[in-house]
Amino acid sequence: MTTTTTTTNPVPELDVERLQGFAQQVGGDTATAAGIAMMVLGDELGLYRAMAGAGPVTAETLADAVGCSRRLISEWLLSQAAAGYLTYGADTETFELGTEESLVLAVDDSPAFMVGAVRILRSMFLDGQRLVEAFRSDGALSWGEHHQCMFHGMEHFFGNYYRQPLVEAWIPRVDGLVDRLAAGGRVLDVGCGTGAAVIAMAEAYPQATFVGIDSHGPSVDTARRRADEHGVAERVSFEVAEAATYQPEAPFDAVLFIEALHDMGDPDAAIRRAGANLVDGGSIVAVEINAADTRATQLGDPMARMHFAASTALCTPMALSQEGPRALGNQVGFARWTEIFAENGFSSAVEMDRTPMFLVIEAQR
C-alpha cells in the first residue's frame, strides 16, 4: 500500500502595517486622480482664469461670472480648497486663487502652467479602450487615434517649457547657427505638431525661413492657421510628410526633432534622412525627455511614474503603429542616443543642455 504525503505551502505571515501603508498610498493616488478630474472641469469651464487676480470670491460671485450652477460651483470650490489649491476664508465663505497658483493653473503661457499635462492625462482615460485593444493585439495606437485634447495638452505643457530656451539658449549654442539664420538660413522641424516651435523660431529670427513636417494632417492644418494668426506665414511652411522620406527643395542649416524622435518606429531612417537634408556643417538638434542611462536611476526619478505612463499609453504605441524596427519609449538616455546617432553616420553627438524636463543633443556628421 502506497502512502501519499500532501505538502501544504505555508501561508505567508501578513504584514498588517505594510498592508495598511500600501492601501493608504493607493487611496492617496485615487484622491489625486479625482482631483485631476476637478482640474479638467476648472480649466474647461474657465474657473481658474476667472479667479486669477480676482481676490477672495464667493461661490455665488464665481458662478455668476462664468454662467454656471451656483450649487455645483460651491462643491467644486470646496474640492479645490481641500486639495490646497485655493485659500478658504471660513468667516466670509470665500475662496482665493493665489498669484503663484494662478501661474500654474490659469495663465496659459506661463512656464509653470501645468494644466496641459492634465489634458494629456485626460486623453489617456478617454483613449482607454483603444489602449486595451492595443495591448491585446500588436501594441499599435497611432497618433491620430488619440482624443484631440491630447494634442492641445502636448503643446501647452511641453511648449511652455521649450519655447523660450529654444530661441534664447539652444539655437545660439549651435556653433554659427544664429549667424546663418540672420543671413537667411533654413531650419526644418520634424514632427512639428501644431507648429509651436516653428512659429516661435520664426518670430525670433525674422530673416530665416522654416519648414515643419508632421504625419498628422489635422495638426498641420492647425499649424498653418496659427502661422497666419502670428503673421509669419510668408516665411513658414507646414507639410504633411514622413520623417524618413521627406525630400525638400533645398537643404537646411539645422534639422530639429522636438519630443519626436523617440516616437518614431524607425528613428534610424529619420536620422539618416535628416542628415541627407543638411548643408555641410549642419546639425541635428534633438530635444528628448531627460532620462538617465540606467533603469535603476530612471526609476528613482520623481517624474518616472509620469514618464513611463506616457511611454506606455502614447510614445511606444505610436512607434509600434509605424511598424519600424524600434519602439524606444521615452526613457532612452544620452548614452543610447549617442550609439544610435553613431550607427547612422553622426560620430559627433554632444549633450548641449539638460533641464529638469529635457535632454538636448546636438549631432553632426
Protein backbone atom coordinates (compact mmCIF):
# COMPACT_ATOMS: atom_id res chain seq x y z
CA MET A 1 0.00 0.00 0.00
CA THR A 2 1.39 3.36 -1.05
CA THR A 3 1.07 6.29 1.27
CA THR A 4 0.75 9.72 -0.34
CA THR A 5 2.01 12.71 1.56
CA THR A 6 0.49 16.06 0.75
CA THR A 7 2.72 19.06 1.20
CA THR A 8 0.97 22.29 2.05
CA ASN A 9 2.76 25.53 1.27
CA PRO A 10 2.96 27.67 4.39
CA VAL A 11 0.76 30.74 4.39
CA PRO A 12 2.99 33.80 4.49
CA GLU A 13 2.62 35.91 7.58
CA LEU A 14 0.68 39.07 6.79
CA ASP A 15 2.49 42.33 7.44
CA VAL A 16 -0.51 44.37 8.56
CA GLU A 17 1.46 47.60 8.79
CA ARG A 18 2.74 47.20 5.23
CA LEU A 19 -0.78 46.38 4.02
CA GLN A 20 -2.22 49.47 5.64
CA GLY A 21 0.57 51.66 4.32
CA PHE A 22 0.09 50.45 0.76
CA ALA A 23 -3.69 50.82 0.97
CA GLN A 24 -3.17 54.41 2.12
CA GLN A 25 -0.79 55.02 -0.78
CA VAL A 26 -3.31 53.76 -3.31
CA GLY A 27 -6.06 55.72 -1.56
CA GLY A 28 -3.97 58.87 -1.89
CA ASP A 29 -3.41 58.13 -5.57
CA THR A 30 -7.15 57.68 -6.03
CA ALA A 31 -7.79 61.04 -4.37
CA THR A 32 -5.23 62.62 -6.70
CA ALA A 33 -6.97 61.10 -9.72
CA ALA A 34 -10.27 62.56 -8.52
CA GLY A 35 -8.52 65.89 -8.19
CA ILE A 36 -7.32 65.63 -11.79
CA ALA A 37 -10.95 65.33 -12.89
CA MET A 38 -11.75 68.51 -10.95
CA MET A 39 -8.80 70.31 -12.58
CA VAL A 40 -10.16 69.41 -16.01
CA LEU A 41 -13.50 70.94 -15.01
CA GLY A 42 -11.82 74.06 -13.69
CA ASP A 43 -9.91 74.51 -16.92
CA GLU A 44 -12.76 73.77 -19.34
CA LEU A 45 -15.23 76.00 -17.50
CA GLY A 46 -12.73 78.85 -17.17
CA LEU A 47 -12.93 78.82 -13.38
CA TYR A 48 -9.22 79.23 -12.69
CA ARG A 49 -8.96 82.06 -15.22
CA ALA A 50 -11.98 83.81 -13.69
CA MET A 51 -10.39 83.61 -10.23
CA ALA A 52 -6.91 84.74 -11.28
CA GLY A 53 -6.31 88.18 -9.79
CA ALA A 54 -9.90 88.46 -8.54
CA GLY A 55 -9.11 88.15 -4.83
CA PRO A 56 -11.48 86.31 -2.48
CA VAL A 57 -14.73 85.27 -4.20
CA THR A 58 -17.89 83.55 -3.06
CA ALA A 59 -19.44 80.60 -4.87
CA GLU A 60 -22.29 82.85 -5.99
CA THR A 61 -19.94 85.51 -7.40
CA LEU A 62 -17.88 82.96 -9.34
CA ALA A 63 -20.93 81.09 -10.62
CA ASP A 64 -22.48 84.29 -11.93
CA ALA A 65 -19.19 85.35 -13.55
CA VAL A 66 -18.85 82.14 -15.55
CA GLY A 67 -22.54 81.33 -16.02
CA CYS A 68 -22.59 78.06 -14.07
CA SER A 69 -24.71 76.39 -11.40
CA ARG A 70 -24.10 78.04 -8.02
CA ARG A 71 -24.61 74.75 -6.21
CA LEU A 72 -22.05 72.85 -8.27
CA ILE A 73 -19.57 75.70 -8.16
CA SER A 74 -19.80 75.60 -4.37
CA GLU A 75 -18.85 71.93 -4.29
CA TRP A 76 -16.04 72.43 -6.82
CA LEU A 77 -14.56 75.26 -4.76
CA LEU A 78 -14.58 73.06 -1.68
CA SER A 79 -12.80 70.30 -3.62
CA GLN A 80 -10.10 72.78 -4.64
CA ALA A 81 -9.71 74.09 -1.11
CA ALA A 82 -9.41 70.50 0.15
CA ALA A 83 -6.64 69.93 -2.42
CA GLY A 84 -4.81 73.02 -1.16
CA TYR A 85 -5.18 74.86 -4.45
CA LEU A 86 -7.41 77.62 -3.01
CA THR A 87 -7.31 79.56 0.24
CA TYR A 88 -10.59 79.25 2.15
CA GLY A 89 -11.90 82.12 4.26
CA ALA A 90 -14.11 80.47 6.88
CA ASP A 91 -15.56 83.70 8.26
CA THR A 92 -16.64 85.01 4.86
CA GLU A 93 -17.18 81.74 2.98
CA THR A 94 -14.79 82.94 0.27
CA PHE A 95 -12.13 81.25 -1.84
CA GLU A 96 -8.99 82.76 -3.34
CA LEU A 97 -6.56 81.62 -6.03
CA GLY A 98 -3.12 82.96 -5.16
CA THR A 99 -0.71 84.60 -7.58
CA GLU A 100 1.67 81.65 -7.67
CA GLU A 101 -1.17 79.17 -8.04
CA SER A 102 -2.54 81.26 -10.91
CA LEU A 103 0.70 80.82 -12.84
CA VAL A 104 0.31 77.05 -12.56
CA LEU A 105 -3.43 76.77 -13.19
CA ALA A 106 -4.70 79.84 -15.05
CA VAL A 107 -2.01 81.52 -17.20
CA ASP A 108 -1.68 79.56 -20.46
CA ASP A 109 1.68 80.99 -21.50
CA SER A 110 3.32 80.74 -18.08
CA PRO A 111 6.41 78.47 -17.96
CA ALA A 112 4.86 76.97 -14.82
CA PHE A 113 1.47 76.19 -16.43
CA MET A 114 0.58 72.56 -15.66
CA VAL A 115 -2.96 72.16 -16.96
CA GLY A 116 -1.60 70.98 -20.31
CA ALA A 117 -0.35 67.87 -18.52
CA VAL A 118 -3.85 67.34 -17.16
CA ARG A 119 -5.24 67.39 -20.70
CA ILE A 120 -2.74 64.70 -21.68
CA LEU A 121 -3.84 62.59 -18.72
CA ARG A 122 -7.46 63.08 -19.68
CA SER A 123 -6.73 61.67 -23.13
CA MET A 124 -5.27 58.54 -21.51
CA PHE A 125 -8.64 57.91 -19.85
CA LEU A 126 -10.68 58.80 -22.94
CA ASP A 127 -8.48 56.53 -25.08
CA GLY A 128 -8.55 53.76 -22.52
CA GLN A 129 -10.47 51.20 -24.55
CA ARG A 130 -8.26 51.76 -27.58
CA LEU A 131 -5.22 51.18 -25.40
CA VAL A 132 -6.73 47.95 -24.05
CA GLU A 133 -7.21 46.79 -27.65
CA ALA A 134 -3.61 47.76 -28.47
CA PHE A 135 -2.33 45.68 -25.55
CA ARG A 136 -4.34 42.70 -26.75
CA SER A 137 -3.15 42.98 -30.35
CA ASP A 138 0.10 44.30 -31.83
CA GLY A 139 0.57 47.19 -29.40
CA ALA A 140 -0.07 49.82 -32.05
CA LEU A 141 -2.00 53.04 -31.40
CA SER A 142 -1.26 55.81 -33.87
CA TRP A 143 -1.03 59.50 -33.02
CA GLY A 144 -4.20 60.38 -34.90
CA GLU A 145 -6.27 57.86 -32.96
CA HIS A 146 -5.95 59.78 -29.70
CA HIS A 147 -8.56 62.22 -28.41
CA GLN A 148 -7.93 65.77 -29.58
CA CYS A 149 -7.37 67.00 -26.03
CA MET A 150 -4.02 65.18 -26.12
CA PHE A 151 -2.74 67.36 -28.99
CA HIS A 152 -3.66 70.57 -27.17
CA GLY A 153 -2.22 69.21 -23.94
CA MET A 154 1.10 68.35 -25.57
CA GLU A 155 1.51 71.84 -26.99
CA HIS A 156 0.51 73.67 -23.81
CA PHE A 157 2.51 71.51 -21.44
CA PHE A 158 5.72 70.87 -23.34
CA GLY A 159 5.60 74.02 -25.49
CA ASN A 160 5.71 76.29 -22.46
CA TYR A 161 8.89 74.55 -21.35
CA TYR A 162 10.81 74.70 -24.61
CA ARG A 163 9.79 77.86 -26.50
CA GLN A 164 11.99 80.28 -24.57
CA PRO A 165 15.09 78.06 -24.20
CA LEU A 166 14.80 77.01 -27.84
CA VAL A 167 15.23 80.53 -29.19
CA GLU A 168 17.32 82.01 -26.38
CA ALA A 169 19.64 79.13 -25.45
CA TRP A 170 19.59 76.04 -27.63
CA ILE A 171 19.80 77.60 -31.11
CA PRO A 172 22.52 80.09 -30.01
CA ARG A 173 24.59 77.16 -28.66
CA VAL A 174 24.82 75.57 -32.11
CA ASP A 175 28.05 76.99 -33.50
CA GLY A 176 27.36 79.56 -36.21
CA LEU A 177 23.63 78.87 -36.48
CA VAL A 178 22.43 82.31 -35.36
CA ASP A 179 24.66 83.95 -38.00
CA ARG A 180 23.30 81.59 -40.65
CA LEU A 181 19.73 82.40 -39.69
CA ALA A 182 20.47 86.12 -39.77
CA ALA A 183 21.77 85.63 -43.31
CA GLY A 184 18.58 83.88 -44.43
CA GLY A 185 19.20 80.33 -43.23
CA ARG A 186 16.72 77.47 -43.17
CA VAL A 187 15.54 75.18 -40.36
CA LEU A 188 13.41 72.03 -40.55
CA ASP A 189 11.30 70.85 -37.60
CA VAL A 190 10.47 67.14 -37.94
CA GLY A 191 7.34 66.12 -36.06
CA CYS A 192 6.27 69.74 -35.72
CA GLY A 193 2.81 69.02 -34.31
CA THR A 194 0.71 72.17 -34.20
CA GLY A 195 3.69 74.38 -35.04
CA ALA A 196 4.57 75.99 -31.71
CA ALA A 197 8.35 75.65 -32.12
CA VAL A 198 8.41 76.74 -35.76
CA ILE A 199 6.36 79.84 -35.04
CA ALA A 200 8.48 80.76 -32.03
CA MET A 201 11.66 80.48 -34.12
CA ALA A 202 10.15 82.46 -36.99
CA GLU A 203 9.24 85.29 -34.63
CA ALA A 204 12.71 85.30 -33.08
CA TYR A 205 14.71 85.07 -36.33
CA PRO A 206 12.87 87.21 -38.92
CA GLN A 207 15.45 86.79 -41.71
CA ALA A 208 15.25 83.00 -41.78
CA THR A 209 12.75 80.55 -43.23
CA PHE A 210 11.31 77.50 -41.51
CA VAL A 211 9.60 74.28 -42.53
CA GLY A 212 7.63 71.98 -40.27
CA ILE A 213 6.59 68.47 -41.25
CA ASP A 214 4.29 66.05 -39.45
CA SER A 215 2.43 62.90 -40.43
CA HIS A 216 -0.74 64.07 -38.64
CA GLY A 217 -2.80 66.15 -41.07
CA PRO A 218 -5.08 67.91 -38.54
CA SER A 219 -2.04 69.13 -36.58
CA VAL A 220 -0.52 70.52 -39.77
CA ASP A 221 -3.79 72.32 -40.56
CA THR A 222 -3.71 73.90 -37.09
CA ALA A 223 -0.07 74.91 -37.56
CA ARG A 224 -0.85 76.66 -40.85
CA ARG A 225 -3.72 78.55 -39.27
CA ARG A 226 -1.57 79.68 -36.36
CA ALA A 227 1.22 80.81 -38.67
CA ASP A 228 -1.32 83.13 -40.32
CA GLU A 229 -2.51 84.39 -36.94
CA HIS A 230 1.07 85.16 -35.86
CA GLY A 231 1.92 86.90 -39.12
CA VAL A 232 4.79 84.59 -40.11
CA ALA A 233 3.14 82.56 -42.88
CA GLU A 234 5.34 84.11 -45.60
CA ARG A 235 8.47 82.57 -44.04
CA VAL A 236 6.95 79.41 -42.66
CA SER A 237 5.52 76.36 -44.37
CA PHE A 238 3.98 73.21 -42.95
CA GLU A 239 3.64 69.94 -44.81
CA VAL A 240 2.13 66.53 -44.18
CA ALA A 241 5.15 64.28 -44.69
CA GLU A 242 7.03 61.31 -43.25
CA ALA A 243 10.30 61.85 -41.42
CA ALA A 244 12.10 59.01 -43.18
CA THR A 245 11.23 60.03 -46.74
CA TYR A 246 10.87 63.83 -46.79
CA GLN A 247 12.81 65.48 -49.64
CA PRO A 248 12.96 69.30 -49.57
CA GLU A 249 13.80 71.54 -52.49
CA ALA A 250 16.89 72.86 -50.66
CA PRO A 251 18.94 71.65 -47.67
CA PHE A 252 18.72 73.05 -44.14
CA ASP A 253 21.20 74.58 -41.73
CA ALA A 254 19.63 72.61 -38.89
CA VAL A 255 17.07 69.83 -38.50
CA LEU A 256 15.16 69.69 -35.22
CA PHE A 257 13.40 66.77 -33.56
CA ILE A 258 11.50 68.21 -30.59
CA GLU A 259 9.96 65.47 -28.48
CA ALA A 260 9.53 63.43 -31.65
CA LEU A 261 12.43 61.09 -32.37
CA HIS A 262 11.59 58.50 -29.70
CA ASP A 263 8.00 58.31 -31.03
CA MET A 264 9.14 57.06 -34.43
CA GLY A 265 9.07 53.43 -35.44
CA ASP A 266 12.26 53.91 -37.46
CA PRO A 267 14.26 56.72 -35.83
CA ASP A 268 17.36 55.47 -37.65
CA ALA A 269 15.81 56.20 -41.04
CA ALA A 270 14.64 59.60 -39.79
CA ILE A 271 18.17 60.47 -38.63
CA ARG A 272 19.68 59.38 -41.94
CA ARG A 273 17.12 61.40 -43.90
CA ALA A 274 17.80 64.43 -41.71
CA GLY A 275 21.50 64.05 -42.47
CA ALA A 276 20.79 63.97 -46.19
CA ASN A 277 18.78 67.18 -45.82
CA LEU A 278 21.55 69.13 -44.04
CA VAL A 279 24.03 71.58 -45.55
CA ASP A 280 27.71 70.84 -44.98
CA GLY A 281 28.43 71.56 -41.34
CA GLY A 282 24.74 71.50 -40.42
CA SER A 283 23.43 69.97 -37.19
CA ILE A 284 20.63 67.85 -35.87
CA VAL A 285 19.18 69.18 -32.61
CA ALA A 286 17.16 66.55 -30.76
CA VAL A 287 15.10 67.54 -27.73
CA GLU A 288 14.21 64.47 -25.71
CA ILE A 289 12.85 63.68 -22.27
CA ASN A 290 15.57 63.99 -19.64
CA ALA A 291 16.29 60.33 -18.93
CA ALA A 292 19.16 58.69 -17.09
CA ASP A 293 21.20 55.94 -18.72
CA THR A 294 20.16 53.12 -16.35
CA ARG A 295 16.76 51.78 -15.39
CA ALA A 296 17.55 51.93 -11.69
CA THR A 297 18.34 55.64 -11.89
CA GLN A 298 15.32 56.30 -14.10
CA LEU A 299 13.01 54.63 -11.59
CA GLY A 300 14.41 56.83 -8.85
CA ASP A 301 13.35 59.98 -10.70
CA PRO A 302 10.32 61.66 -9.05
CA MET A 303 8.82 62.03 -12.55
CA ALA A 304 9.39 58.39 -13.52
CA ARG A 305 5.80 57.46 -12.87
CA MET A 306 4.56 60.09 -15.30
CA HIS A 307 7.24 59.35 -17.90
CA PHE A 308 6.65 55.60 -18.03
CA ALA A 309 2.87 56.03 -18.04
CA ALA A 310 3.15 58.37 -21.04
CA SER A 311 5.56 55.94 -22.68
CA THR A 312 3.06 53.12 -22.17
CA ALA A 313 -0.01 55.00 -23.40
CA LEU A 314 1.42 57.35 -26.04
CA CYS A 315 5.03 57.01 -27.17
CA THR A 316 5.57 53.27 -27.52
CA PRO A 317 2.18 52.50 -29.12
CA MET A 318 2.82 55.26 -31.66
CA ALA A 319 6.19 53.79 -32.61
CA LEU A 320 4.65 50.32 -32.88
CA SER A 321 1.92 51.70 -35.17
CA GLN A 322 4.63 52.65 -37.67
CA GLU A 323 5.89 49.05 -37.88
CA GLY A 324 9.54 50.10 -37.70
CA PRO A 325 12.44 48.16 -36.20
CA ARG A 326 12.49 50.12 -32.92
CA ALA A 327 9.98 51.13 -30.27
CA LEU A 328 12.27 53.05 -27.95
CA GLY A 329 9.88 54.55 -25.43
CA ASN A 330 10.62 57.96 -23.96
CA GLN A 331 13.31 56.91 -21.43
CA VAL A 332 16.26 56.45 -23.77
CA GLY A 333 19.15 58.28 -22.12
CA PHE A 334 22.12 60.11 -23.62
CA ALA A 335 24.42 57.08 -23.90
CA ARG A 336 21.88 55.18 -26.01
CA TRP A 337 21.19 58.21 -28.19
CA THR A 338 24.92 58.58 -28.79
CA GLU A 339 25.04 54.99 -30.04
CA ILE A 340 22.02 55.48 -32.30
CA PHE A 341 23.41 58.65 -33.85
CA ALA A 342 26.81 56.98 -34.39
CA GLU A 343 25.16 53.99 -36.08
CA ASN A 344 23.56 56.41 -38.55
CA GLY A 345 26.61 58.43 -39.53
CA PHE A 346 26.75 61.09 -36.79
CA SER A 347 30.01 60.47 -34.97
CA SER A 348 29.75 63.72 -33.01
CA ALA A 349 26.83 63.81 -30.57
CA VAL A 350 27.11 66.11 -27.57
CA GLU A 351 24.84 66.88 -24.64
CA MET A 352 24.04 70.52 -25.35
CA ASP A 353 21.76 71.03 -22.36
CA ARG A 354 19.93 69.11 -19.66
CA THR A 355 16.99 70.65 -17.81
CA PRO A 356 14.63 69.04 -15.28
CA MET A 357 12.37 68.21 -18.23
CA PHE A 358 14.59 67.90 -21.31
CA LEU A 359 17.80 66.39 -22.64
CA VAL A 360 19.08 68.37 -25.65
CA ILE A 361 21.52 66.74 -28.05
CA GLU A 362 23.43 68.26 -30.97
CA ALA A 363 24.70 65.78 -33.56
CA GLN A 364 26.98 66.40 -36.51
CA ARG A 365 28.44 64.11 -39.16
